[in-house]
């Protein structure tokens, strides 16, 4: 699958970190992220994990929400979207 990287075609999204994800991201609760147009949530996660490698600890059990709705990693993000990283919820 070829990636299209057109100059000036980046989109900017807001990434939100909750609970343990925030802890693993060094206490950061949100960040702005620029990715090429046509990027998926998975592409965004790759960039986020490069910046915050400790997040790999919850990689297999976290869920994502895009604009307040749970979403698969295959969804394409658009400019001004909000991507939330939600760690596993524990409790009883």
Foldseek 3Di string as FASTA:
>chain_A
DDDDADPPQKAKEKEAEDDVRCVLLVNDGIDIDIDGAFAFLLNVVVVSCVNRVSSVVQVVAKWKAKQNHTDDRGHGDHHHIYIYIGGDDDDD
